[in-house]
Amino acid sequence: MRRVMGFACFWLACGMMIMLFMENIFIAVLIIIILLLVGYNLFCC
């Protein structure tokens, strides 16, 4: 289950990176970084 949640968080963060091309917001960058880290840790650990 943790791997599935990590996979979902990772792709959610990738989708938010696409959002950056439309509007550059500092909070969006923080959310992307946090989701990438959480997704990586849940998927790999």
N, C-alpha and C. Protein backbone atom coordinates (compact mmCIF):
# COMPACT_ATOMS: atom_id res chain seq x y z
N MET A 1 0.82 -1.20 0.00
CA MET A 1 0.00 0.00 0.00
C MET A 1 0.87 1.26 0.00
N ARG A 2 1.98 1.21 0.75
CA ARG A 2 2.86 2.38 0.79
C ARG A 2 3.43 2.68 -0.58
N ARG A 3 3.73 1.64 -1.36
CA ARG A 3 4.28 1.87 -2.70
C ARG A 3 3.26 2.53 -3.60
N VAL A 4 2.00 2.14 -3.47
CA VAL A 4 0.95 2.74 -4.30
C VAL A 4 0.78 4.21 -3.92
N MET A 5 0.78 4.51 -2.63
CA MET A 5 0.65 5.90 -2.19
C MET A 5 1.86 6.72 -2.64
N GLY A 6 3.04 6.15 -2.57
CA GLY A 6 4.23 6.83 -3.04
C GLY A 6 4.18 7.10 -4.53
N PHE A 7 3.71 6.12 -5.28
CA PHE A 7 3.58 6.28 -6.73
C PHE A 7 2.59 7.39 -7.05
N ALA A 8 1.47 7.42 -6.32
CA ALA A 8 0.46 8.46 -6.55
C ALA A 8 1.01 9.85 -6.21
N CYS A 9 1.72 9.97 -5.09
CA CYS A 9 2.29 11.26 -4.70
C CYS A 9 3.32 11.73 -5.73
N PHE A 10 4.12 10.80 -6.24
CA PHE A 10 5.12 11.16 -7.22
C PHE A 10 4.47 11.72 -8.48
N TRP A 11 3.44 11.07 -9.00
CA TRP A 11 2.81 11.54 -10.22
C TRP A 11 1.97 12.77 -10.00
N LEU A 12 1.44 12.94 -8.80
CA LEU A 12 0.75 14.17 -8.46
C LEU A 12 1.73 15.35 -8.51
N ALA A 13 2.93 15.13 -7.99
CA ALA A 13 3.95 16.17 -8.04
C ALA A 13 4.37 16.47 -9.48
N CYS A 14 4.44 15.45 -10.31
CA CYS A 14 4.78 15.68 -11.72
C CYS A 14 3.70 16.51 -12.40
N GLY A 15 2.46 16.24 -12.08
CA GLY A 15 1.37 17.03 -12.63
C GLY A 15 1.42 18.47 -12.15
N MET A 16 1.83 18.68 -10.92
CA MET A 16 1.94 20.04 -10.41
C MET A 16 3.10 20.79 -11.07
N MET A 17 4.13 20.06 -11.51
CA MET A 17 5.22 20.72 -12.23
C MET A 17 4.71 21.30 -13.54
N ILE A 18 3.77 20.61 -14.17
CA ILE A 18 3.16 21.14 -15.39
C ILE A 18 2.41 22.43 -15.07
N MET A 19 1.80 22.48 -13.88
CA MET A 19 1.08 23.67 -13.44
C MET A 19 2.00 24.89 -13.36
N LEU A 20 3.28 24.67 -13.11
CA LEU A 20 4.23 25.78 -13.00
C LEU A 20 4.34 26.58 -14.30
N PHE A 21 4.12 25.93 -15.42
CA PHE A 21 4.21 26.65 -16.69
C PHE A 21 3.07 27.64 -16.85
N MET A 22 1.97 27.40 -16.14
CA MET A 22 0.83 28.32 -16.23
C MET A 22 0.94 29.46 -15.23
N GLU A 23 1.40 29.16 -14.04
CA GLU A 23 1.45 30.16 -12.99
C GLU A 23 2.57 29.80 -12.02
N ASN A 24 3.49 30.71 -11.81
CA ASN A 24 4.65 30.43 -10.96
C ASN A 24 4.38 30.93 -9.55
N ILE A 25 4.08 30.03 -8.64
CA ILE A 25 3.75 30.37 -7.26
C ILE A 25 4.73 29.66 -6.33
N PHE A 26 5.21 30.39 -5.31
CA PHE A 26 6.17 29.82 -4.37
C PHE A 26 5.59 28.64 -3.62
N ILE A 27 4.33 28.71 -3.24
CA ILE A 27 3.69 27.62 -2.50
C ILE A 27 3.61 26.37 -3.36
N ALA A 28 3.35 26.52 -4.66
CA ALA A 28 3.31 25.38 -5.56
C ALA A 28 4.66 24.67 -5.60
N VAL A 29 5.74 25.44 -5.58
CA VAL A 29 7.08 24.85 -5.59
C VAL A 29 7.30 24.04 -4.31
N LEU A 30 6.88 24.59 -3.17
CA LEU A 30 7.03 23.86 -1.92
C LEU A 30 6.23 22.57 -1.92
N ILE A 31 5.01 22.62 -2.42
CA ILE A 31 4.17 21.42 -2.48
C ILE A 31 4.79 20.37 -3.39
N ILE A 32 5.35 20.80 -4.52
CA ILE A 32 6.00 19.88 -5.44
C ILE A 32 7.17 19.18 -4.77
N ILE A 33 8.01 19.95 -4.10
CA ILE A 33 9.19 19.37 -3.44
C ILE A 33 8.77 18.40 -2.34
N ILE A 34 7.78 18.79 -1.54
CA ILE A 34 7.32 17.92 -0.46
C ILE A 34 6.74 16.62 -1.01
N LEU A 35 5.90 16.72 -2.04
CA LEU A 35 5.29 15.52 -2.61
C LEU A 35 6.32 14.61 -3.29
N LEU A 36 7.31 15.20 -3.92
CA LEU A 36 8.37 14.38 -4.52
C LEU A 36 9.14 13.62 -3.45
N LEU A 37 9.47 14.30 -2.37
CA LEU A 37 10.19 13.63 -1.29
C LEU A 37 9.35 12.55 -0.62
N VAL A 38 8.09 12.85 -0.33
CA VAL A 38 7.21 11.87 0.30
C VAL A 38 6.98 10.68 -0.63
N GLY A 39 6.72 10.96 -1.89
CA GLY A 39 6.51 9.89 -2.85
C GLY A 39 7.73 9.01 -3.01
N TYR A 40 8.89 9.60 -3.06
CA TYR A 40 10.11 8.82 -3.19
C TYR A 40 10.33 7.94 -1.96
N ASN A 41 10.16 8.53 -0.77
CA ASN A 41 10.36 7.77 0.46
C ASN A 41 9.35 6.64 0.63
N LEU A 42 8.09 6.88 0.28
CA LEU A 42 7.09 5.84 0.41
C LEU A 42 7.29 4.73 -0.62
N PHE A 43 7.73 5.10 -1.81
CA PHE A 43 7.88 4.10 -2.88
C PHE A 43 9.13 3.27 -2.68
N CYS A 44 10.21 3.88 -2.25
CA CYS A 44 11.50 3.17 -2.20
C CYS A 44 11.81 2.53 -0.84
N CYS A 45 11.22 3.00 0.21
CA CYS A 45 11.58 2.49 1.54
C CYS A 45 10.60 1.45 2.04
